[in-house]
Protein backbone atom coordinates (compact mmCIF):
# COMPACT_ATOMS: atom_id res chain seq x y z
CA MET A 1 100.62 81.50 91.90
CA LEU A 2 101.83 84.43 94.01
CA ARG A 3 104.97 86.09 92.72
CA CYS A 4 107.26 87.31 95.53
CA GLY A 5 110.54 88.62 94.17
CA ARG A 6 112.62 85.59 93.14
CA PHE A 7 110.06 83.22 94.67
CA THR A 8 106.77 81.86 93.39
CA LEU A 9 104.31 80.55 95.98
CA PRO A 10 101.54 78.05 95.18
CA LEU A 11 98.00 79.07 96.05
CA GLU A 12 96.38 75.63 95.83
CA ARG A 13 96.97 75.17 99.57
CA PRO A 14 96.91 77.55 102.53
CA LEU A 15 100.22 79.30 103.26
CA LEU A 16 101.72 80.17 106.63
CA MET A 17 103.40 83.52 107.33
CA GLY A 18 105.49 83.39 110.51
CA VAL A 19 105.71 86.63 112.54
CA VAL A 20 109.01 88.02 113.85
CA ASN A 21 108.66 91.46 115.43
CA VAL A 22 111.90 93.32 116.15
CA THR A 23 110.18 95.86 118.38
CA PRO A 24 110.12 96.47 122.14
CA ASP A 25 106.36 97.01 122.24
CA SER A 26 104.50 94.63 119.90
CA PHE A 27 101.50 93.18 121.74
CA SER A 28 102.65 89.54 121.73
CA ASP A 29 106.39 89.14 121.12
CA GLY A 30 107.57 92.70 121.81
CA GLY A 31 111.10 92.73 123.17
CA CYS A 32 111.77 89.06 122.47
CA PHE A 33 113.73 89.46 119.25
CA LEU A 34 115.38 92.88 119.40
CA ASP A 35 118.79 91.29 118.89
CA PRO A 36 119.28 90.51 115.17
CA GLN A 37 120.78 87.12 116.02
CA ALA A 38 117.73 86.20 118.11
CA ALA A 39 115.37 87.41 115.39
CA ALA A 40 117.20 85.42 112.71
CA ALA A 41 117.16 82.32 114.92
CA GLN A 42 113.41 82.72 115.42
CA ALA A 43 112.91 83.07 111.65
CA ARG A 44 114.87 79.87 111.06
CA ARG A 45 112.85 78.08 113.73
CA LEU A 46 109.54 79.15 112.16
CA ILE A 47 110.73 77.97 108.74
CA GLU A 48 111.70 74.61 110.22
CA GLU A 49 108.19 74.40 111.71
CA GLY A 50 106.63 74.94 108.29
CA ALA A 51 106.40 78.68 107.57
CA ASP A 52 106.13 79.46 103.86
CA LEU A 53 107.27 83.03 104.40
CA ILE A 54 108.50 85.22 107.26
CA ASP A 55 107.15 88.68 108.15
CA ILE A 56 109.56 91.08 109.90
CA GLY A 57 108.20 94.19 111.61
CA GLY A 58 110.24 97.09 112.96
CA GLU A 59 107.39 99.36 114.08
CA SER A 60 104.62 98.19 116.37
CA SER A 61 101.11 98.68 115.02
CA ARG A 62 99.31 97.41 118.13
CA PRO A 63 96.40 99.58 119.34
CA GLY A 64 97.74 102.71 121.03
CA ALA A 65 101.27 102.32 119.62
CA ALA A 66 103.22 105.49 118.94
CA PRO A 67 105.11 105.76 115.64
CA VAL A 68 108.88 105.35 115.56
CA SER A 69 111.27 107.31 113.36
CA GLU A 70 112.17 106.07 109.92
CA GLN A 71 115.80 105.63 110.99
CA GLN A 72 114.77 103.59 114.04
CA GLU A 73 112.74 101.30 111.84
CA LEU A 74 115.61 100.86 109.39
CA ASP A 75 118.06 100.19 112.22
CA ARG A 76 115.80 97.43 113.53
CA VAL A 77 114.84 95.77 110.26
CA LEU A 78 117.90 95.85 108.00
CA PRO A 79 120.33 93.88 110.24
CA VAL A 80 117.74 91.11 110.56
CA LEU A 81 116.90 91.16 106.87
CA GLU A 82 120.58 90.82 106.06
CA LYS A 83 120.67 87.60 108.08
CA VAL A 84 117.41 86.03 106.89
CA SER A 85 117.21 87.06 103.24
CA LYS A 86 119.58 84.20 102.38
CA LEU A 87 117.10 81.65 103.72
CA GLU A 88 115.27 79.83 100.95
CA LYS A 89 111.91 81.34 101.85
CA PRO A 90 110.48 84.74 100.95
CA VAL A 91 110.82 87.44 103.60
CA SER A 92 108.14 90.09 104.01
CA VAL A 93 108.77 93.44 105.70
CA ASP A 94 105.88 95.00 107.58
CA THR A 95 106.22 98.74 106.89
CA ARG A 96 104.20 101.74 105.75
CA ARG A 97 107.17 103.94 104.78
CA PRO A 98 108.35 104.09 101.13
CA ASN A 99 111.99 104.67 102.10
CA VAL A 100 111.94 101.62 104.36
CA MET A 101 110.26 99.65 101.57
CA LYS A 102 112.98 100.69 99.13
CA ALA A 103 115.80 99.80 101.51
CA ALA A 104 114.15 96.49 102.44
CA ILE A 105 113.70 95.49 98.79
CA ALA A 106 117.34 96.35 98.09
CA ALA A 107 118.33 94.17 101.07
CA GLY A 108 116.41 91.17 99.76
CA ALA A 109 112.79 91.49 100.90
CA SER A 110 110.33 89.62 98.68
CA MET A 111 107.10 91.18 99.99
CA ILE A 112 105.97 94.46 101.50
CA ASN A 113 103.20 94.13 104.09
CA ASP A 114 101.64 97.58 104.45
CA ILE A 115 98.98 98.39 107.05
CA GLN A 116 98.22 101.56 105.03
CA ALA A 117 97.73 99.70 101.71
CA LEU A 118 100.43 101.78 99.96
CA GLY A 119 98.71 104.96 101.09
CA ALA A 120 101.91 106.97 101.57
CA PRO A 121 103.18 109.17 98.70
CA TRP A 122 105.43 107.20 96.29
CA ALA A 123 104.68 103.86 97.96
CA HIS A 124 103.03 102.49 94.81
CA GLU A 125 106.00 103.51 92.70
CA VAL A 126 108.52 101.80 95.01
CA VAL A 127 106.71 98.47 94.82
CA ALA A 128 105.83 98.79 91.13
CA ASN A 129 109.50 99.29 90.27
CA SER A 130 110.42 96.01 91.97
CA LYS A 131 109.45 92.37 91.65
CA CYS A 132 108.12 92.33 95.21
CA ALA A 133 104.69 91.15 96.25
CA VAL A 134 102.57 93.47 98.37
CA CYS A 135 99.93 92.92 101.03
CA LEU A 136 97.31 95.67 101.09
CA MET A 137 95.58 95.96 104.47
CA HIS A 138 92.44 97.75 105.64
CA MET A 139 92.85 99.95 108.70
CA LYS A 140 90.44 102.57 110.03
CA GLY A 141 92.40 105.45 111.52
CA GLU A 142 95.97 104.98 112.80
CA PRO A 143 97.41 102.63 115.43
CA ARG A 144 97.57 105.30 118.15
CA THR A 145 93.82 106.04 117.99
CA MET A 146 92.19 103.32 115.87
CA GLN A 147 90.46 101.54 118.76
CA GLN A 148 88.76 104.67 120.10
CA ALA A 149 85.13 103.84 119.28
CA PRO A 150 85.47 102.73 115.61
CA HIS A 151 82.12 102.70 113.78
CA TYR A 152 80.85 100.87 110.69
CA ASP A 153 77.40 100.58 109.17
CA ASP A 154 78.41 97.29 107.51
CA VAL A 155 81.98 96.29 108.34
CA ALA A 156 82.34 93.52 105.72
CA ARG A 157 80.97 95.69 102.91
CA GLU A 158 83.08 98.72 103.87
CA VAL A 159 86.27 96.65 104.13
CA LYS A 160 85.53 95.04 100.77
CA VAL A 161 84.96 98.42 99.08
CA PHE A 162 88.26 99.72 100.48
CA LEU A 163 90.26 96.67 99.46
CA LYS A 164 88.72 96.57 95.99
CA ASP A 165 89.83 100.16 95.48
CA ALA A 166 93.28 99.45 96.93
CA VAL A 167 93.78 96.53 94.52
CA ARG A 168 92.61 98.71 91.61
CA LYS A 169 95.07 101.49 92.52
CA ALA A 170 97.94 99.03 92.88
CA MET A 171 97.24 97.50 89.47
CA PHE A 172 96.89 100.95 87.89
CA ALA A 173 100.34 101.81 89.31
CA GLY A 174 101.79 98.82 87.48
CA ILE A 175 101.80 96.14 90.17
CA GLY A 176 100.71 92.85 88.62
CA LYS A 177 97.68 91.14 90.10
CA ASP A 178 99.82 88.03 90.67
CA ARG A 179 101.87 90.11 93.16
CA ILE A 180 98.94 91.40 95.25
CA VAL A 181 97.49 90.06 98.51
CA ALA A 182 94.59 91.63 100.49
CA ASP A 183 94.24 91.70 104.29
CA PRO A 184 90.94 92.76 105.94
CA GLY A 185 92.88 94.03 108.95
CA PHE A 186 91.41 92.21 111.94
CA GLY A 187 91.88 94.40 115.02
CA PHE A 188 92.87 97.51 113.09
CA GLY A 189 90.16 100.02 113.89
CA LYS A 190 87.66 97.27 114.69
CA THR A 191 86.00 96.13 117.90
CA ALA A 192 85.70 92.47 118.87
CA ALA A 193 82.14 92.53 117.49
CA HIS A 194 83.40 93.99 114.19
CA ASN A 195 86.12 91.34 113.96
CA LEU A 196 83.66 88.49 114.52
CA GLU A 197 81.23 89.96 111.99
CA LEU A 198 84.06 90.29 109.47
CA LEU A 199 85.11 86.69 110.09
CA ARG A 200 81.52 85.49 109.55
CA ASN A 201 81.45 87.27 106.19
CA LEU A 202 85.04 86.67 105.09
CA SER A 203 83.89 84.71 102.05
CA GLN A 204 82.48 87.95 100.60
CA LEU A 205 86.07 89.10 100.03
CA GLN A 206 86.96 86.15 97.80
CA ASP A 207 85.72 87.93 94.69
CA LEU A 208 88.48 90.55 95.08
CA GLY A 209 90.38 88.10 92.89
CA VAL A 210 93.56 88.12 94.99
CA PRO A 211 94.71 85.88 97.88
CA LEU A 212 93.36 86.79 101.32
CA LEU A 213 95.78 87.11 104.22
CA VAL A 214 94.28 86.85 107.69
CA GLY A 215 96.09 87.78 110.89
CA VAL A 216 94.12 86.90 114.02
CA SER A 217 96.86 85.14 116.01
CA ARG A 218 96.72 85.97 119.76
CA LYS A 219 94.70 89.14 119.15
CA SER A 220 92.53 90.94 121.70
CA THR A 221 89.27 89.62 120.22
CA ILE A 222 90.36 86.16 121.39
CA GLY A 223 91.01 87.65 124.83
CA ALA A 224 87.58 89.28 124.80
CA VAL A 225 85.90 85.97 123.97
CA THR A 226 87.95 83.68 126.23
CA GLY A 227 89.14 85.97 128.99
CA ARG A 228 92.69 84.71 128.40
CA PRO A 229 95.83 86.87 128.50
CA VAL A 230 97.95 87.06 125.35
CA GLU A 231 100.28 84.23 126.36
CA GLU A 232 97.31 81.85 126.79
CA ARG A 233 95.54 82.43 123.47
CA LEU A 234 96.89 79.52 121.43
CA ALA A 235 93.66 77.49 121.45
CA GLY A 236 91.58 80.54 120.52
CA SER A 237 94.06 81.45 117.78
CA LEU A 238 93.81 77.98 116.28
CA ALA A 239 90.00 78.09 116.37
CA MET A 240 90.00 81.44 114.57
CA ALA A 241 92.56 80.16 112.06
CA LEU A 242 90.21 77.30 111.17
CA LEU A 243 87.27 79.70 110.79
CA ALA A 244 89.43 81.90 108.54
CA LEU A 245 90.30 78.90 106.36
CA GLN A 246 86.61 78.07 106.05
CA GLY A 247 85.97 81.67 105.00
CA GLY A 248 88.53 81.50 102.20
CA ALA A 249 91.80 82.71 103.74
CA THR A 250 94.82 81.78 101.63
CA ILE A 251 97.59 83.01 103.94
CA LEU A 252 97.51 82.82 107.74
CA ARG A 253 99.83 85.25 109.55
CA VAL A 254 100.66 83.52 112.84
CA HIS A 255 103.02 83.37 115.80
CA ASP A 256 102.52 79.62 116.32
CA VAL A 257 103.50 78.00 113.03
CA LYS A 258 103.82 74.36 114.08
CA GLU A 259 100.40 74.22 115.72
CA THR A 260 98.65 76.11 112.91
CA LYS A 261 100.21 73.78 110.37
CA ASP A 262 98.42 70.90 112.12
CA VAL A 263 95.12 72.79 111.86
CA ILE A 264 95.67 73.18 108.11
CA ALA A 265 96.51 69.47 107.76
CA VAL A 266 93.30 68.43 109.53
CA TRP A 267 91.22 70.93 107.54
CA GLN A 268 92.69 69.71 104.24
CA ALA A 269 92.04 66.08 105.16
CA PHE A 270 88.43 66.97 106.04
CA GLN A 271 88.01 68.73 102.68
CA GLN A 272 88.91 65.63 100.68
């Protein structure tokens, strides 16, 4: 079981995390849900379609994105969180800033999704002093520059070493293992070739001993393979979701919940 604040999520079946970005510049849905009412409506729609949890982001982490101020991020996230935290599903907040984490937890967030794996000073303490779950992600570099010729000798091994250490640090800080999720960070300081290699070897990460979250929905690797623009990457996203399930992913972070839920249903039927 995964403990997320007042919620407990089963891990016997794959879980769906629906994405709601309240940013003007996210690569897929940037600008669509800047209004808190629109963002809350989208969260409700994704839950109706089958999302097990919702992930709200107030700072774009797409390749080349510039950071926003802490206050900007709070101004974007908190009004939405106020509206969706009463929904009977856990809400995750995608942030790397301890002060935003603290405010989000106070406002009802059940998970912190951190692209820096709690790398900021005091981030571990904020999460440890709560009942929140945390997703620890691998990223090479920072969003602004991470896609400028990233290099690995063995991408799967290096990601695994990083995540193993991140899980160890989180547990040492007092965060229970039943509150930790690991994300290999597809597209974060990785070329299309790196992402495909990581996907081929995803099963190597299963012995981290925590659930694996995979976010490949609509990403540029799918565009590189198919030649499709972001709004035409549904089929590629579903194919990669299935490959992630086969590699041991426990949580799929997606934009298209209804369609991915069907992929999971077919995959589960095939497994029986």
